[in-house]
Amino acid sequence: MKAKKPKYVKGSSMVEVLIAFAITSFCVSLAFIIYLNIQKSSLPFFKIKAVELAEQFMHETLEKNTFFEESYTAEEFTAKKTIIGTSSYPDCSLVRIIVFDSFKKKIYELETLVYNPGHY
């Protein structure tokens, strides 16, 4: 019988593995940077929605003369209205609207001083 030659199994050398790891790491880091830039570019649109909600809520408050504290929820935002009486002007109130996201992080704040003779 003939003796069989041993079969050599070809594997990757350590240099090849390190090069593949470096290329993969570069691609992952590049994808992560692109993802963060996309997140940053969408933030202004998120803030614009919050500003619009606060201005709409303030307009409704001034139009209907609803000078009491309340909360308003729309989409992923929560707007909280607070009314604060001023000591220097007893017939005026400070209306403050704060808009939060779904994680209770403050996004925008809107304030205005309103003449309100019925509030003391």
PDB file of N, CA and C in Angstrom:
ATOM      1  N   MET A   1       0.808  -1.170   0.000  1.00  0.00           N
ATOM      2  CA  MET A   1       0.000   0.000   0.000  1.00  0.00           C
ATOM      3  C   MET A   1       0.856   1.238   0.000  1.00  0.00           C
ATOM      4  N   LYS A   2       0.287   2.203  -0.659  1.00  0.00           N
ATOM      5  CA  LYS A   2       0.984   3.485  -0.683  1.00  0.00           C
ATOM      6  C   LYS A   2       0.662   4.260   0.575  1.00  0.00           C
ATOM      7  N   ALA A   3       1.631   4.976   1.035  1.00  0.00           N
ATOM      8  CA  ALA A   3       1.404   5.829   2.205  1.00  0.00           C
ATOM      9  C   ALA A   3       0.723   7.119   1.747  1.00  0.00           C
ATOM     10  N   LYS A   4      -0.309   7.503   2.462  1.00  0.00           N
ATOM     11  CA  LYS A   4      -1.024   8.720   2.098  1.00  0.00           C
ATOM     12  C   LYS A   4      -0.234   9.932   2.586  1.00  0.00           C
ATOM     13  N   LYS A   5      -0.221  10.922   1.742  1.00  0.00           N
ATOM     14  CA  LYS A   5       0.418  12.177   2.151  1.00  0.00           C
ATOM     15  C   LYS A   5      -0.521  12.906   3.110  1.00  0.00           C
ATOM     16  N   PRO A   6       0.038  13.461   4.146  1.00  0.00           N
ATOM     17  CA  PRO A   6      -0.839  14.209   5.049  1.00  0.00           C
ATOM     18  C   PRO A   6      -1.394  15.455   4.357  1.00  0.00           C
ATOM     19  N   LYS A   7      -2.687  15.710   4.551  1.00  0.00           N
ATOM     20  CA  LYS A   7      -3.299  16.892   3.959  1.00  0.00           C
ATOM     21  C   LYS A   7      -3.040  18.079   4.876  1.00  0.00           C
ATOM     22  N   TYR A   8      -2.641  19.127   4.258  1.00  0.00           N
ATOM     23  CA  TYR A   8      -2.403  20.346   5.023  1.00  0.00           C
ATOM     24  C   TYR A   8      -3.674  21.185   5.002  1.00  0.00           C
ATOM     25  N   VAL A   9      -4.067  21.627   6.139  1.00  0.00           N
ATOM     26  CA  VAL A   9      -5.232  22.494   6.243  1.00  0.00           C
ATOM     27  C   VAL A   9      -4.715  23.918   6.244  1.00  0.00           C
ATOM     28  N   LYS A  10      -5.188  24.677   5.265  1.00  0.00           N
ATOM     29  CA  LYS A  10      -4.729  26.044   5.175  1.00  0.00           C
ATOM     30  C   LYS A  10      -5.586  26.906   6.091  1.00  0.00           C
ATOM     31  N   GLY A  11      -4.945  27.634   6.962  1.00  0.00           N
ATOM     32  CA  GLY A  11      -5.632  28.541   7.862  1.00  0.00           C
ATOM     33  C   GLY A  11      -5.152  29.956   7.624  1.00  0.00           C
ATOM     34  N   SER A  12      -5.735  30.859   8.342  1.00  0.00           N
ATOM     35  CA  SER A  12      -5.329  32.250   8.218  1.00  0.00           C
ATOM     36  C   SER A  12      -4.177  32.519   9.171  1.00  0.00           C
ATOM     37  N   SER A  13      -3.277  33.303   8.688  1.00  0.00           N
ATOM     38  CA  SER A  13      -2.167  33.672   9.572  1.00  0.00           C
ATOM     39  C   SER A  13      -2.644  34.801  10.491  1.00  0.00           C
ATOM     40  N   MET A  14      -1.871  35.061  11.486  1.00  0.00           N
ATOM     41  CA  MET A  14      -2.221  36.104  12.455  1.00  0.00           C
ATOM     42  C   MET A  14      -2.257  37.477  11.786  1.00  0.00           C
ATOM     43  N   VAL A  15      -1.398  37.706  10.837  1.00  0.00           N
ATOM     44  CA  VAL A  15      -1.369  38.992  10.129  1.00  0.00           C
ATOM     45  C   VAL A  15      -2.657  39.192   9.336  1.00  0.00           C
ATOM     46  N   GLU A  16      -3.121  38.160   8.661  1.00  0.00           N
ATOM     47  CA  GLU A  16      -4.367  38.262   7.901  1.00  0.00           C
ATOM     48  C   GLU A  16      -5.557  38.546   8.811  1.00  0.00           C
ATOM     49  N   VAL A  17      -5.594  37.883   9.959  1.00  0.00           N
ATOM     50  CA  VAL A  17      -6.684  38.096  10.925  1.00  0.00           C
ATOM     51  C   VAL A  17      -6.656  39.521  11.444  1.00  0.00           C
ATOM     52  N   LEU A  18      -5.492  40.038  11.759  1.00  0.00           N
ATOM     53  CA  LEU A  18      -5.388  41.412  12.260  1.00  0.00           C
ATOM     54  C   LEU A  18      -5.784  42.434  11.196  1.00  0.00           C
ATOM     55  N   ILE A  19      -5.430  42.182   9.951  1.00  0.00           N
ATOM     56  CA  ILE A  19      -5.819  43.096   8.876  1.00  0.00           C
ATOM     57  C   ILE A  19      -7.339  43.080   8.694  1.00  0.00           C
ATOM     58  N   ALA A  20      -7.937  41.914   8.718  1.00  0.00           N
ATOM     59  CA  ALA A  20      -9.397  41.821   8.599  1.00  0.00           C
ATOM     60  C   ALA A  20     -10.083  42.512   9.778  1.00  0.00           C
ATOM     61  N   PHE A  21      -9.530  42.343  10.965  1.00  0.00           N
ATOM     62  CA  PHE A  21     -10.084  43.004  12.149  1.00  0.00           C
ATOM     63  C   PHE A  21      -9.973  44.524  12.028  1.00  0.00           C
ATOM     64  N   ALA A  22      -8.860  45.022  11.532  1.00  0.00           N
ATOM     65  CA  ALA A  22      -8.671  46.465  11.365  1.00  0.00           C
ATOM     66  C   ALA A  22      -9.659  47.039  10.356  1.00  0.00           C
ATOM     67  N   ILE A  23      -9.861  46.344   9.245  1.00  0.00           N
ATOM     68  CA  ILE A  23     -10.810  46.819   8.231  1.00  0.00           C
ATOM     69  C   ILE A  23     -12.230  46.810   8.782  1.00  0.00           C
ATOM     70  N   THR A  24     -12.593  45.762   9.490  1.00  0.00           N
ATOM     71  CA  THR A  24     -13.927  45.678  10.087  1.00  0.00           C
ATOM     72  C   THR A  24     -14.130  46.775  11.130  1.00  0.00           C
ATOM     73  N   SER A  25     -13.135  47.017  11.956  1.00  0.00           N
ATOM     74  CA  SER A  25     -13.228  48.071  12.977  1.00  0.00           C
ATOM     75  C   SER A  25     -13.383  49.439  12.334  1.00  0.00           C
ATOM     76  N   PHE A  26     -12.670  49.676  11.261  1.00  0.00           N
ATOM     77  CA  PHE A  26     -12.779  50.954  10.556  1.00  0.00           C
ATOM     78  C   PHE A  26     -14.192  51.144  10.006  1.00  0.00           C
ATOM     79  N   CYS A  27     -14.744  50.112   9.410  1.00  0.00           N
ATOM     80  CA  CYS A  27     -16.103  50.202   8.857  1.00  0.00           C
ATOM     81  C   CYS A  27     -17.144  50.442   9.950  1.00  0.00           C
ATOM     82  N   VAL A  28     -16.992  49.771  11.079  1.00  0.00           N
ATOM     83  CA  VAL A  28     -17.933  49.957  12.185  1.00  0.00           C
ATOM     84  C   VAL A  28     -17.836  51.372  12.745  1.00  0.00           C
ATOM     85  N   SER A  29     -16.625  51.875  12.923  1.00  0.00           N
ATOM     86  CA  SER A  29     -16.473  53.239  13.457  1.00  0.00           C
ATOM     87  C   SER A  29     -17.008  54.265  12.468  1.00  0.00           C
ATOM     88  N   LEU A  30     -16.817  54.058  11.185  1.00  0.00           N
ATOM     89  CA  LEU A  30     -17.354  54.964  10.183  1.00  0.00           C
ATOM     90  C   LEU A  30     -18.885  54.955  10.205  1.00  0.00           C
ATOM     91  N   ALA A  31     -19.476  53.783  10.338  1.00  0.00           N
ATOM     92  CA  ALA A  31     -20.942  53.687  10.414  1.00  0.00           C
ATOM     93  C   ALA A  31     -21.467  54.377  11.673  1.00  0.00           C
ATOM     94  N   PHE A  32     -20.756  54.253  12.769  1.00  0.00           N
ATOM     95  CA  PHE A  32     -21.179  54.894  14.008  1.00  0.00           C
ATOM     96  C   PHE A  32     -21.120  56.411  13.890  1.00  0.00           C
ATOM     97  N   ILE A  33     -20.090  56.949  13.263  1.00  0.00           N
ATOM     98  CA  ILE A  33     -19.974  58.395  13.057  1.00  0.00           C
ATOM     99  C   ILE A  33     -21.103  58.901  12.165  1.00  0.00           C
ATOM    100  N   ILE A  34     -21.415  58.166  11.118  1.00  0.00           N
ATOM    101  CA  ILE A  34     -22.515  58.556  10.232  1.00  0.00           C
ATOM    102  C   ILE A  34     -23.839  58.533  10.986  1.00  0.00           C
ATOM    103  N   TYR A  35     -24.052  57.532  11.822  1.00  0.00           N
ATOM    104  CA  TYR A  35     -25.275  57.431  12.620  1.00  0.00           C
ATOM    105  C   TYR A  35     -25.405  58.630  13.565  1.00  0.00           C
ATOM    106  N   LEU A  36     -24.316  59.009  14.241  1.00  0.00           N
ATOM    107  CA  LEU A  36     -24.371  60.154  15.152  1.00  0.00           C
ATOM    108  C   LEU A  36     -24.660  61.448  14.408  1.00  0.00           C
ATOM    109  N   ASN A  37     -24.116  61.618  13.227  1.00  0.00           N
ATOM    110  CA  ASN A  37     -24.396  62.815  12.439  1.00  0.00           C
ATOM    111  C   ASN A  37     -25.859  62.866  12.003  1.00  0.00           C
ATOM    112  N   ILE A  38     -26.431  61.726  11.686  1.00  0.00           N
ATOM    113  CA  ILE A  38     -27.851  61.692  11.326  1.00  0.00           C
ATOM    114  C   ILE A  38     -28.702  62.066  12.535  1.00  0.00           C
ATOM    115  N   GLN A  39     -28.321  61.564  13.709  1.00  0.00           N
ATOM    116  CA  GLN A  39     -29.063  61.903  14.931  1.00  0.00           C
ATOM    117  C   GLN A  39     -28.984  63.400  15.213  1.00  0.00           C
ATOM    118  N   LYS A  40     -27.822  64.000  15.043  1.00  0.00           N
ATOM    119  CA  LYS A  40     -27.669  65.441  15.281  1.00  0.00           C
ATOM    120  C   LYS A  40     -28.479  66.254  14.283  1.00  0.00           C
ATOM    121  N   SER A  41     -28.545  65.816  13.044  1.00  0.00           N
ATOM    122  CA  SER A  41     -29.276  66.584  12.044  1.00  0.00           C
ATOM    123  C   SER A  41     -30.781  66.489  12.256  1.00  0.00           C
ATOM    124  N   SER A  42     -31.273  65.441  12.884  1.00  0.00           N
ATOM    125  CA  SER A  42     -32.704  65.339  13.139  1.00  0.00           C
ATOM    126  C   SER A  42     -33.123  66.095  14.391  1.00  0.00           C
ATOM    127  N   LEU A  43     -32.183  66.489  15.244  1.00  0.00           N
ATOM    128  CA  LEU A  43     -32.506  67.204  16.480  1.00  0.00           C
ATOM    129  C   LEU A  43     -33.160  68.552  16.224  1.00  0.00           C
ATOM    130  N   PRO A  44     -32.714  69.366  15.248  1.00  0.00           N
ATOM    131  CA  PRO A  44     -33.405  70.635  15.010  1.00  0.00           C
ATOM    132  C   PRO A  44     -34.876  70.459  14.641  1.00  0.00           C
ATOM    133  N   PHE A  45     -35.208  69.431  13.872  1.00  0.00           N
ATOM    134  CA  PHE A  45     -36.613  69.199  13.527  1.00  0.00           C
ATOM    135  C   PHE A  45     -37.421  68.845  14.769  1.00  0.00           C
ATOM    136  N   PHE A  46     -36.804  68.099  15.669  1.00  0.00           N
ATOM    137  CA  PHE A  46     -37.434  67.741  16.933  1.00  0.00           C
ATOM    138  C   PHE A  46     -37.691  69.000  17.761  1.00  0.00           C
ATOM    139  N   LYS A  47     -36.706  69.913  17.789  1.00  0.00           N
ATOM    140  CA  LYS A  47     -36.857  71.144  18.560  1.00  0.00           C
ATOM    141  C   LYS A  47     -37.873  72.081  17.911  1.00  0.00           C
ATOM    142  N   ILE A  48     -37.929  72.106  16.600  1.00  0.00           N
ATOM    143  CA  ILE A  48     -38.907  72.943  15.904  1.00  0.00           C
ATOM    144  C   ILE A  48     -40.322  72.507  16.268  1.00  0.00           C
ATOM    145  N   LYS A  49     -40.552  71.202  16.344  1.00  0.00           N
ATOM    146  CA  LYS A  49     -41.873  70.700  16.755  1.00  0.00           C
ATOM    147  C   LYS A  49     -42.197  71.146  18.171  1.00  0.00           C
ATOM    148  N   ALA A  50     -41.199  71.115  19.064  1.00  0.00           N
ATOM    149  CA  ALA A  50     -41.420  71.529  20.451  1.00  0.00           C
ATOM    150  C   ALA A  50     -41.740  73.014  20.530  1.00  0.00           C
ATOM    151  N   VAL A  51     -41.062  73.840  19.742  1.00  0.00           N
ATOM    152  CA  VAL A  51     -41.335  75.283  19.720  1.00  0.00           C
ATOM    153  C   VAL A  51     -42.745  75.545  19.210  1.00  0.00           C
ATOM    154  N   GLU A  52     -43.137  74.852  18.152  1.00  0.00           N
ATOM    155  CA  GLU A  52     -44.491  75.028  17.616  1.00  0.00           C
ATOM    156  C   GLU A  52     -45.552  74.638  18.634  1.00  0.00           C
ATOM    157  N   LEU A  53     -45.312  73.555  19.358  1.00  0.00           N
ATOM    158  CA  LEU A  53     -46.268  73.118  20.373  1.00  0.00           C
ATOM    159  C   LEU A  53     -46.384  74.151  21.492  1.00  0.00           C
ATOM    160  N   ALA A  54     -45.255  74.688  21.951  1.00  0.00           N
ATOM    161  CA  ALA A  54     -45.281  75.689  23.018  1.00  0.00           C
ATOM    162  C   ALA A  54     -45.994  76.954  22.567  1.00  0.00           C
ATOM    163  N   GLU A  55     -45.725  77.396  21.354  1.00  0.00           N
ATOM    164  CA  GLU A  55     -46.381  78.605  20.854  1.00  0.00           C
ATOM    165  C   GLU A  55     -47.876  78.389  20.659  1.00  0.00           C
ATOM    166  N   GLN A  56     -48.270  77.211  20.210  1.00  0.00           N
ATOM    167  CA  GLN A  56     -49.695  76.902  20.045  1.00  0.00           C
ATOM    168  C   GLN A  56     -50.391  76.880  21.408  1.00  0.00           C
ATOM    169  N   PHE A  57     -49.765  76.263  22.383  1.00  0.00           N
ATOM    170  CA  PHE A  57     -50.331  76.172  23.730  1.00  0.00           C
ATOM    171  C   PHE A  57     -50.432  77.561  24.358  1.00  0.00           C
ATOM    172  N   MET A  58     -49.423  78.420  24.139  1.00  0.00           N
ATOM    173  CA  MET A  58     -49.448  79.792  24.662  1.00  0.00           C
ATOM    174  C   MET A  58     -50.552  80.585  23.979  1.00  0.00           C
ATOM    175  N   HIS A  59     -50.693  80.425  22.679  1.00  0.00           N
ATOM    176  CA  HIS A  59     -51.744  81.138  21.943  1.00  0.00           C
ATOM    177  C   HIS A  59     -53.132  80.746  22.455  1.00  0.00           C
ATOM    178  N   GLU A  60     -53.356  79.448  22.667  1.00  0.00           N
ATOM    179  CA  GLU A  60     -54.641  79.001  23.201  1.00  0.00           C
ATOM    180  C   GLU A  60     -54.883  79.546  24.603  1.00  0.00           C
ATOM    181  N   THR A  61     -53.851  79.609  25.416  1.00  0.00           N
ATOM    182  CA  THR A  61     -53.987  80.129  26.774  1.00  0.00           C
ATOM    183  C   THR A  61     -54.384  81.594  26.759  1.00  0.00           C
ATOM    184  N   LEU A  62     -53.729  82.386  25.921  1.00  0.00           N
ATOM    185  CA  LEU A  62     -54.027  83.813  25.859  1.00  0.00           C
ATOM    186  C   LEU A  62     -55.371  84.090  25.203  1.00  0.00           C
ATOM    187  N   GLU A  63     -55.735  83.262  24.237  1.00  0.00           N
ATOM    188  CA  GLU A  63     -56.995  83.461  23.538  1.00  0.00           C
ATOM    189  C   GLU A  63     -58.193  83.103  24.421  1.00  0.00           C
ATOM    190  N   LYS A  64     -58.082  82.009  25.165  1.00  0.00           N
ATOM    191  CA  LYS A  64     -59.203  81.540  25.990  1.00  0.00           C
ATOM    192  C   LYS A  64     -59.132  82.044  27.431  1.00  0.00           C
ATOM    193  N   ASN A  65     -58.072  82.753  27.788  1.00  0.00           N
ATOM    194  CA  ASN A  65     -57.862  83.258  29.158  1.00  0.00           C
ATOM    195  C   ASN A  65     -57.932  82.135  30.187  1.00  0.00           C
ATOM    196  N   THR A  66     -57.266  81.038  29.913  1.00  0.00           N
ATOM    197  CA  THR A  66     -57.210  79.921  30.855  1.00  0.00           C
ATOM    198  C   THR A  66     -55.922  80.044  31.662  1.00  0.00           C
ATOM    199  N   PHE A  67     -55.982  80.826  32.722  1.00  0.00           N
ATOM    200  CA  PHE A  67     -54.804  81.084  33.535  1.00  0.00           C
ATOM    201  C   PHE A  67     -54.781  80.171  34.753  1.00  0.00           C
ATOM    202  N   PHE A  68     -54.638  78.895  34.504  1.00  0.00           N
ATOM    203  CA  PHE A  68     -54.436  77.920  35.571  1.00  0.00           C
ATOM    204  C   PHE A  68     -53.461  76.868  35.050  1.00  0.00           C
ATOM    205  N   GLU A  69     -52.834  76.165  35.979  1.00  0.00           N
ATOM    206  CA  GLU A  69     -51.816  75.202  35.602  1.00  0.00           C
ATOM    207  C   GLU A  69     -52.445  73.956  35.004  1.00  0.00           C
ATOM    208  N   GLU A  70     -51.835  73.482  33.923  1.00  0.00           N
ATOM    209  CA  GLU A  70     -52.315  72.275  33.273  1.00  0.00           C
ATOM    210  C   GLU A  70     -51.199  71.686  32.421  1.00  0.00           C
ATOM    211  N   SER A  71     -51.418  70.465  31.991  1.00  0.00           N
ATOM    212  CA  SER A  71     -50.468  69.790  31.114  1.00  0.00           C
ATOM    213  C   SER A  71     -51.171  69.414  29.823  1.00  0.00           C
ATOM    214  N   TYR A  72     -50.393  69.346  28.783  1.00  0.00           N
ATOM    215  CA  TYR A  72     -50.920  69.043  27.458  1.00  0.00           C
ATOM    216  C   TYR A  72     -49.963  68.045  26.807  1.00  0.00           C
ATOM    217  N   THR A  73     -50.502  66.972  26.255  1.00  0.00           N
ATOM    218  CA  THR A  73     -49.670  65.956  25.620  1.00  0.00           C
ATOM    219  C   THR A  73     -50.019  65.869  24.146  1.00  0.00           C
ATOM    220  N   ALA A  74     -48.983  65.918  23.310  1.00  0.00           N
ATOM    221  CA  ALA A  74     -49.162  65.777  21.867  1.00  0.00           C
ATOM    222  C   ALA A  74     -47.964  65.033  21.304  1.00  0.00           C
ATOM    223  N   GLU A  75     -48.257  64.000  20.537  1.00  0.00           N
ATOM    224  CA  GLU A  75     -47.230  63.145  19.934  1.00  0.00           C
ATOM    225  C   GLU A  75     -46.263  62.658  21.015  1.00  0.00           C
ATOM    226  N   GLU A  76     -44.979  62.951  20.876  1.00  0.00           N
ATOM    227  CA  GLU A  76     -44.003  62.494  21.860  1.00  0.00           C
ATOM    228  C   GLU A  76     -43.620  63.577  22.864  1.00  0.00           C
ATOM    229  N   PHE A  77     -44.394  64.678  22.898  1.00  0.00           N
ATOM    230  CA  PHE A  77     -44.089  65.804  23.774  1.00  0.00           C
ATOM    231  C   PHE A  77     -45.134  65.951  24.871  1.00  0.00           C
ATOM    232  N   THR A  78     -44.692  66.544  25.978  1.00  0.00           N
ATOM    233  CA  THR A  78     -45.587  66.947  27.046  1.00  0.00           C
ATOM    234  C   THR A  78     -45.288  68.409  27.361  1.00  0.00           C
ATOM    235  N   ALA A  79     -46.313  69.244  27.303  1.00  0.00           N
ATOM    236  CA  ALA A  79     -46.151  70.664  27.607  1.00  0.00           C
ATOM    237  C   ALA A  79     -46.819  70.938  28.947  1.00  0.00           C
ATOM    238  N   LYS A  80     -46.084  71.586  29.840  1.00  0.00           N
ATOM    239  CA  LYS A  80     -46.610  71.900  31.161  1.00  0.00           C
ATOM    240  C   LYS A  80     -46.683  73.415  31.304  1.00  0.00           C
ATOM    241  N   LYS A  81     -47.888  73.882  31.653  1.00  0.00           N
ATOM    242  CA  LYS A  81     -48.104  75.318  31.812  1.00  0.00           C
ATOM    243  C   LYS A  81     -48.172  75.648  33.297  1.00  0.00           C
ATOM    244  N   THR A  82     -47.413  76.662  33.704  1.00  0.00           N
ATOM    245  CA  THR A  82     -47.462  77.150  35.079  1.00  0.00           C
ATOM    246  C   THR A  82     -47.753  78.649  35.057  1.00  0.00           C
ATOM    247  N   ILE A  83     -48.523  79.068  36.032  1.00  0.00           N
ATOM    248  CA  ILE A  83     -48.876  80.479  36.175  1.00  0.00           C
ATOM    249  C   ILE A  83     -48.277  80.967  37.491  1.00  0.00           C
ATOM    250  N   ILE A  84     -47.506  82.041  37.415  1.00  0.00           N
ATOM    251  CA  ILE A  84     -46.848  82.587  38.600  1.00  0.00           C
ATOM    252  C   ILE A  84     -47.251  84.050  38.747  1.00  0.00           C
ATOM    253  N   GLY A  85     -47.760  84.392  39.909  1.00  0.00           N
ATOM    254  CA  GLY A  85     -48.090  85.781  40.180  1.00  0.00           C
ATOM    255  C   GLY A  85     -46.825  86.564  40.493  1.00  0.00           C
ATOM    256  N   THR A  86     -46.792  87.830  40.092  1.00  0.00           N
ATOM    257  CA  THR A  86     -45.621  88.663  40.344  1.00  0.00           C
ATOM    258  C   THR A  86     -45.892  89.567  41.528  1.00  0.00           C
ATOM    259  N   SER A  87     -44.877  89.752  42.355  1.00  0.00           N
ATOM    260  CA  SER A  87     -45.052  90.599  43.538  1.00  0.00           C
ATOM    261  C   SER A  87     -44.993  92.077  43.184  1.00  0.00           C
ATOM    262  N   SER A  88     -44.216  92.422  42.182  1.00  0.00           N
ATOM    263  CA  SER A  88     -44.100  93.833  41.825  1.00  0.00           C
ATOM    264  C   SER A  88     -45.296  94.346  41.029  1.00  0.00           C
ATOM    265  N   TYR A  89     -45.953  93.451  40.294  1.00  0.00           N
ATOM    266  CA  TYR A  89     -47.151  93.810  39.534  1.00  0.00           C
ATOM    267  C   TYR A  89     -48.255  92.834  39.914  1.00  0.00           C
ATOM    268  N   PRO A  90     -49.092  93.159  40.911  1.00  0.00           N
ATOM    269  CA  PRO A  90     -50.090  92.193  41.384  1.00  0.00           C
ATOM    270  C   PRO A  90     -51.178  91.859  40.365  1.00  0.00           C
ATOM    271  N   ASP A  91     -51.378  92.705  39.370  1.00  0.00           N
ATOM    272  CA  ASP A  91     -52.412  92.412  38.373  1.00  0.00           C
ATOM    273  C   ASP A  91     -51.841  91.719  37.130  1.00  0.00           C
ATOM    274  N   CYS A  92     -50.583  91.281  37.203  1.00  0.00           N
ATOM    275  CA  CYS A  92     -49.950  90.569  36.087  1.00  0.00           C
ATOM    276  C   CYS A  92     -49.540  89.163  36.528  1.00  0.00           C
ATOM    277  N   SER A  93     -49.503  88.283  35.575  1.00  0.00           N
ATOM    278  CA  SER A  93     -49.083  86.908  35.825  1.00  0.00           C
ATOM    279  C   SER A  93     -48.027  86.511  34.801  1.00  0.00           C
ATOM    280  N   LEU A  94     -47.120  85.680  35.246  1.00  0.00           N
ATOM    281  CA  LEU A  94     -46.110  85.139  34.350  1.00  0.00           C
ATOM    282  C   LEU A  94     -46.574  83.757  33.911  1.00  0.00           C
ATOM    283  N   VAL A  95     -46.779  83.602  32.612  1.00  0.00           N
ATOM    284  CA  VAL A  95     -47.195  82.323  32.055  1.00  0.00           C
ATOM    285  C   VAL A  95     -45.947  81.650  31.485  1.00  0.00           C
ATOM    286  N   ARG A  96     -45.656  80.464  32.001  1.00  0.00           N
ATOM    287  CA  ARG A  96     -44.471  79.719  31.564  1.00  0.00           C
ATOM    288  C   ARG A  96     -44.918  78.368  31.024  1.00  0.00           C
ATOM    289  N   ILE A  97     -44.458  78.057  29.823  1.00  0.00           N
ATOM    290  CA  ILE A  97     -44.746  76.766  29.211  1.00  0.00           C
ATOM    291  C   ILE A  97     -43.416  76.068  28.958  1.00  0.00           C
ATOM    292  N   ILE A  98     -43.291  74.861  29.504  1.00  0.00           N
ATOM    293  CA  ILE A  98     -42.089  74.068  29.333  1.00  0.00           C
ATOM    294  C   ILE A  98     -42.479  72.800  28.577  1.00  0.00           C
ATOM    295  N   VAL A  99     -41.731  72.499  27.522  1.00  0.00           N
ATOM    296  CA  VAL A  99     -42.004  71.321  26.700  1.00  0.00           C
ATOM    297  C   VAL A  99     -40.946  70.265  26.995  1.00  0.00           C
ATOM    298  N   PHE A 100     -41.415  69.059  27.325  1.00  0.00           N
ATOM    299  CA  PHE A 100     -40.542  67.924  27.628  1.00  0.00           C
ATOM    300  C   PHE A 100     -40.710  66.863  26.556  1.00  0.00           C
ATOM    301  N   ASP A 101     -39.671  66.040  26.382  1.00  0.00           N
ATOM    302  CA  ASP A 101     -39.802  64.900  25.494  1.00  0.00           C
ATOM    303  C   ASP A 101     -40.328  63.708  26.291  1.00  0.00           C
ATOM    304  N   SER A 102     -40.376  62.552  25.680  1.00  0.00           N
ATOM    305  CA  SER A 102     -40.935  61.377  26.347  1.00  0.00           C
ATOM    306  C   SER A 102     -40.066  60.885  27.504  1.00  0.00           C
ATOM    307  N   PHE A 103     -38.792  61.315  27.546  1.00  0.00           N
ATOM    308  CA  PHE A 103     -37.899  60.929  28.637  1.00  0.00           C
ATOM    309  C   PHE A 103     -37.841  61.989  29.733  1.00  0.00           C
ATOM    310  N   LYS A 104     -38.773  62.939  29.717  1.00  0.00           N
ATOM    311  CA  LYS A 104     -38.872  64.033  30.689  1.00  0.00           C
ATOM    312  C   LYS A 104     -37.660  64.973  30.644  1.00  0.00           C
ATOM    313  N   LYS A 105     -37.064  65.097  29.473  1.00  0.00           N
ATOM    314  CA  LYS A 105     -35.959  66.024  29.272  1.00  0.00           C
ATOM    315  C   LYS A 105     -36.524  67.322  28.707  1.00  0.00           C
ATOM    316  N   LYS A 106     -36.136  68.459  29.304  1.00  0.00           N
ATOM    317  CA  LYS A 106     -36.661  69.749  28.876  1.00  0.00           C
ATOM    318  C   LYS A 106     -36.086  70.097  27.504  1.00  0.00           C
ATOM    319  N   ILE A 107     -36.989  70.441  26.575  1.00  0.00           N
ATOM    320  CA  ILE A 107     -36.569  70.774  25.216  1.00  0.00           C
ATOM    321  C   ILE A 107     -36.669  72.279  24.980  1.00  0.00           C
ATOM    322  N   TYR A 108     -37.757  72.896  25.442  1.00  0.00           N
ATOM    323  CA  TYR A 108     -37.986  74.306  25.143  1.00  0.00           C
ATOM    324  C   TYR A 108     -38.802  74.929  26.266  1.00  0.00           C
ATOM    325  N   GLU A 109     -38.560  76.227  26.494  1.00  0.00           N
ATOM    326  CA  GLU A 109     -39.302  76.968  27.521  1.00  0.00           C
ATOM    327  C   GLU A 109     -39.740  78.300  26.937  1.00  0.00           C
ATOM    328  N   LEU A 110     -40.989  78.652  27.169  1.00  0.00           N
ATOM    329  CA  LEU A 110     -41.565  79.885  26.653  1.00  0.00           C
ATOM    330  C   LEU A 110     -42.231  80.621  27.811  1.00  0.00           C
ATOM    331  N   GLU A 111     -41.929  81.914  27.950  1.00  0.00           N
ATOM    332  CA  GLU A 111     -42.514  82.721  29.027  1.00  0.00           C
ATOM    333  C   GLU A 111     -43.090  84.005  28.449  1.00  0.00           C
ATOM    334  N   THR A 112     -44.150  84.479  29.091  1.00  0.00           N
ATOM    335  CA  THR A 112     -44.685  85.778  28.753  1.00  0.00           C
ATOM    336  C   THR A 112     -45.404  86.351  29.970  1.00  0.00           C
ATOM    337  N   LEU A 113     -45.360  87.668  30.080  1.00  0.00           N
ATOM    338  CA  LEU A 113     -46.026  88.377  31.175  1.00  0.00           C
ATOM    339  C   LEU A 113     -47.369  88.849  30.661  1.00  0.00           C
ATOM    340  N   VAL A 114     -48.443  88.525  31.395  1.00  0.00           N
ATOM    341  CA  VAL A 114     -49.805  88.779  30.932  1.00  0.00           C
ATOM    342  C   VAL A 114     -50.527  89.622  31.968  1.00  0.00           C
ATOM    343  N   TYR A 115     -51.244  90.623  31.466  1.00  0.00           N
ATOM    344  CA  TYR A 115     -52.118  91.402  32.340  1.00  0.00           C
ATOM    345  C   TYR A 115     -53.344  90.576  32.641  1.00  0.00           C
ATOM    346  N   ASN A 116     -53.565  90.330  33.942  1.00  0.00           N
ATOM    347  CA  ASN A 116     -54.653  89.462  34.374  1.00  0.00           C
ATOM    348  C   ASN A 116     -55.253  90.078  35.642  1.00  0.00           C
ATOM    349  N   PRO A 117     -56.237  90.943  35.526  1.00  0.00           N
ATOM    350  CA  PRO A 117     -56.759  91.642  36.713  1.00  0.00           C
ATOM    351  C   PRO A 117     -57.504  90.710  37.683  1.00  0.00           C
ATOM    352  N   GLY A 118     -57.961  89.571  37.263  1.00  0.00           N
ATOM    353  CA  GLY A 118     -58.693  88.679  38.145  1.00  0.00           C
ATOM    354  C   GLY A 118     -57.787  87.772  38.978  1.00  0.00           C
ATOM    355  N   HIS A 119     -56.509  87.759  38.721  1.00  0.00           N
ATOM    356  CA  HIS A 119     -55.580  86.853  39.414  1.00  0.00           C
ATOM    357  C   HIS A 119     -54.782  87.628  40.459  1.00  0.00           C
ATOM    358  N   TYR A 120     -54.846  87.204  41.707  1.00  0.00           N
ATOM    359  CA  TYR A 120     -54.099  87.906  42.784  1.00  0.00           C
ATOM    360  C   TYR A 120     -53.240  86.940  43.502  1.00  0.00           C
TER     361      TYR A 120
END
